Amino acid sequence: MLEILKPGGLLVVEDGDLTSAGSSPASSLHWFADLFGRLGPTHGVDYALANHLYHLVKAAGFLDSDIEIHQPAVARGEDRFLLKWSVEEAGPHIKRILALYSACQICKNMMQWKRP
């Protein structure tokens, strides 16, 4: 990427940390965060990559780098389902998920995120 970026150009790199989700009062978001923290290592995915992103960009040769951190809070709308969609996307790996949690725990937490 460094070689194709124009001088003075701007490169935006973004990633979310799915292991840090939570809510107040506590909800199934905490369960989803724990799930991603456990599921990632079982198939070589780092769902907390965002924590290392700035250093990865610097290590790639982007020496004049800057960082902005955004901590979104989504109470309404479709975007609040991001973690639920991520679990559904992990569906093919359900056997690995079941090894980490009981089917009852999974169903209970998924039901809390049903669309109105």
Protein backbone atom coordinates (compact mmCIF):
# COMPACT_ATOMS: atom_id res chain seq x y z
CA MET A 1 0.00 0.00 0.00
CA LEU A 2 2.81 2.38 0.84
CA GLU A 3 4.22 2.14 -2.68
CA ILE A 4 0.94 3.02 -4.41
CA LEU A 5 -0.11 5.85 -2.08
CA LYS A 6 0.45 9.26 -3.69
CA PRO A 7 2.78 11.65 -1.86
CA GLY A 8 0.71 13.46 0.74
CA GLY A 9 -2.08 10.92 0.22
CA LEU A 10 -4.35 9.66 2.94
CA LEU A 11 -4.80 6.03 3.93
CA VAL A 12 -7.64 5.16 6.30
CA VAL A 13 -7.44 1.85 8.14
CA GLU A 14 -10.29 0.75 10.35
CA ASP A 15 -11.16 -2.30 12.39
CA GLY A 16 -13.46 -3.01 15.31
CA ASP A 17 -12.69 -4.86 18.53
CA LEU A 18 -15.52 -7.36 18.87
CA THR A 19 -14.11 -8.61 22.18
CA SER A 20 -14.76 -5.33 24.01
CA ALA A 21 -18.51 -4.95 23.45
CA GLY A 22 -20.65 -4.33 26.47
CA SER A 23 -23.59 -2.40 27.80
CA SER A 24 -24.95 -0.81 30.92
CA PRO A 25 -26.99 -2.40 32.31
CA ALA A 26 -25.33 -5.70 31.44
CA SER A 27 -26.82 -7.61 28.52
CA SER A 28 -25.97 -10.38 26.10
CA LEU A 29 -23.40 -8.01 24.53
CA HIS A 30 -21.00 -9.20 27.22
CA TRP A 31 -21.64 -12.80 26.14
CA PHE A 32 -20.97 -11.92 22.49
CA ALA A 33 -17.69 -10.20 23.43
CA ASP A 34 -16.60 -13.25 25.40
CA LEU A 35 -17.62 -15.53 22.52
CA PHE A 36 -15.44 -13.65 20.04
CA GLY A 37 -12.54 -13.66 22.47
CA ARG A 38 -12.79 -17.46 22.68
CA LEU A 39 -13.80 -18.23 19.09
CA GLY A 40 -11.07 -16.23 17.34
CA PRO A 41 -8.09 -18.33 18.45
CA THR A 42 -9.87 -21.56 17.47
CA HIS A 43 -9.72 -20.59 13.79
CA GLY A 44 -6.87 -18.10 13.57
CA VAL A 45 -8.80 -14.84 13.76
CA ASP A 46 -7.94 -11.88 15.98
CA TYR A 47 -11.22 -10.15 16.81
CA ALA A 48 -9.24 -7.64 18.89
CA LEU A 49 -6.93 -6.64 16.02
CA ALA A 50 -8.08 -3.04 16.39
CA ASN A 51 -5.98 -2.84 19.57
CA HIS A 52 -2.82 -3.40 17.49
CA LEU A 53 -3.79 -1.60 14.28
CA TYR A 54 -1.79 1.59 14.83
CA HIS A 55 1.41 -0.37 15.50
CA LEU A 56 0.78 -2.62 12.48
CA VAL A 57 0.45 0.44 10.24
CA LYS A 58 3.68 1.92 11.65
CA ALA A 59 5.47 -1.42 11.18
CA ALA A 60 4.32 -1.47 7.53
CA GLY A 61 6.39 1.65 6.92
CA PHE A 62 3.84 4.41 7.42
CA LEU A 63 6.06 6.46 9.71
CA ASP A 64 4.04 9.69 9.62
CA SER A 65 0.94 8.06 11.08
CA ASP A 66 -1.80 9.46 13.28
CA ILE A 67 -4.56 7.74 15.19
CA GLU A 68 -8.17 8.45 16.10
CA ILE A 69 -10.15 6.12 18.30
CA HIS A 70 -13.91 5.92 18.04
CA GLN A 71 -16.02 4.07 20.60
CA PRO A 72 -19.45 3.79 18.98
CA ALA A 73 -22.60 3.42 21.03
CA VAL A 74 -25.55 2.20 18.99
CA ALA A 75 -28.93 2.03 20.73
CA ARG A 76 -31.27 1.96 17.73
CA GLY A 77 -31.30 1.00 14.09
CA GLU A 78 -29.86 -1.86 12.13
CA ASP A 79 -26.23 -1.24 13.16
CA ARG A 80 -26.96 -2.38 16.70
CA PHE A 81 -27.09 -5.95 15.34
CA LEU A 82 -23.39 -6.04 14.32
CA LEU A 83 -22.40 -8.64 16.92
CA LYS A 84 -25.46 -10.79 16.25
CA TRP A 85 -24.69 -10.75 12.52
CA SER A 86 -21.11 -11.71 13.27
CA VAL A 87 -22.28 -14.74 15.28
CA GLU A 88 -24.63 -15.74 12.45
CA GLU A 89 -21.75 -15.40 9.99
CA ALA A 90 -19.74 -17.74 12.20
CA GLY A 91 -22.52 -20.31 11.76
CA PRO A 92 -20.36 -22.77 9.77
CA HIS A 93 -18.15 -22.98 12.84
CA ILE A 94 -21.06 -23.81 15.15
CA LYS A 95 -19.37 -26.98 16.41
CA ARG A 96 -16.50 -24.89 17.73
CA ILE A 97 -18.96 -22.45 19.30
CA LEU A 98 -20.84 -25.33 20.94
CA ALA A 99 -17.56 -26.54 22.40
CA LEU A 100 -17.28 -23.17 24.15
CA TYR A 101 -20.91 -22.72 25.21
CA SER A 102 -24.02 -24.81 25.62
CA ALA A 103 -26.74 -24.67 22.96
CA CYS A 104 -29.04 -23.21 25.62
CA GLN A 105 -26.64 -20.30 26.28
CA ILE A 106 -26.35 -19.58 22.57
CA CYS A 107 -30.13 -19.60 21.96
CA LYS A 108 -30.85 -17.48 25.03
CA ASN A 109 -28.39 -14.80 23.97
CA MET A 110 -29.38 -14.81 20.30
CA MET A 111 -33.06 -14.43 21.26
CA GLN A 112 -32.29 -11.26 23.20
CA TRP A 113 -31.27 -9.67 19.91
CA LYS A 114 -34.38 -10.45 17.89
CA ARG A 115 -35.56 -7.61 15.71
CA PRO A 116 -38.75 -5.89 16.89
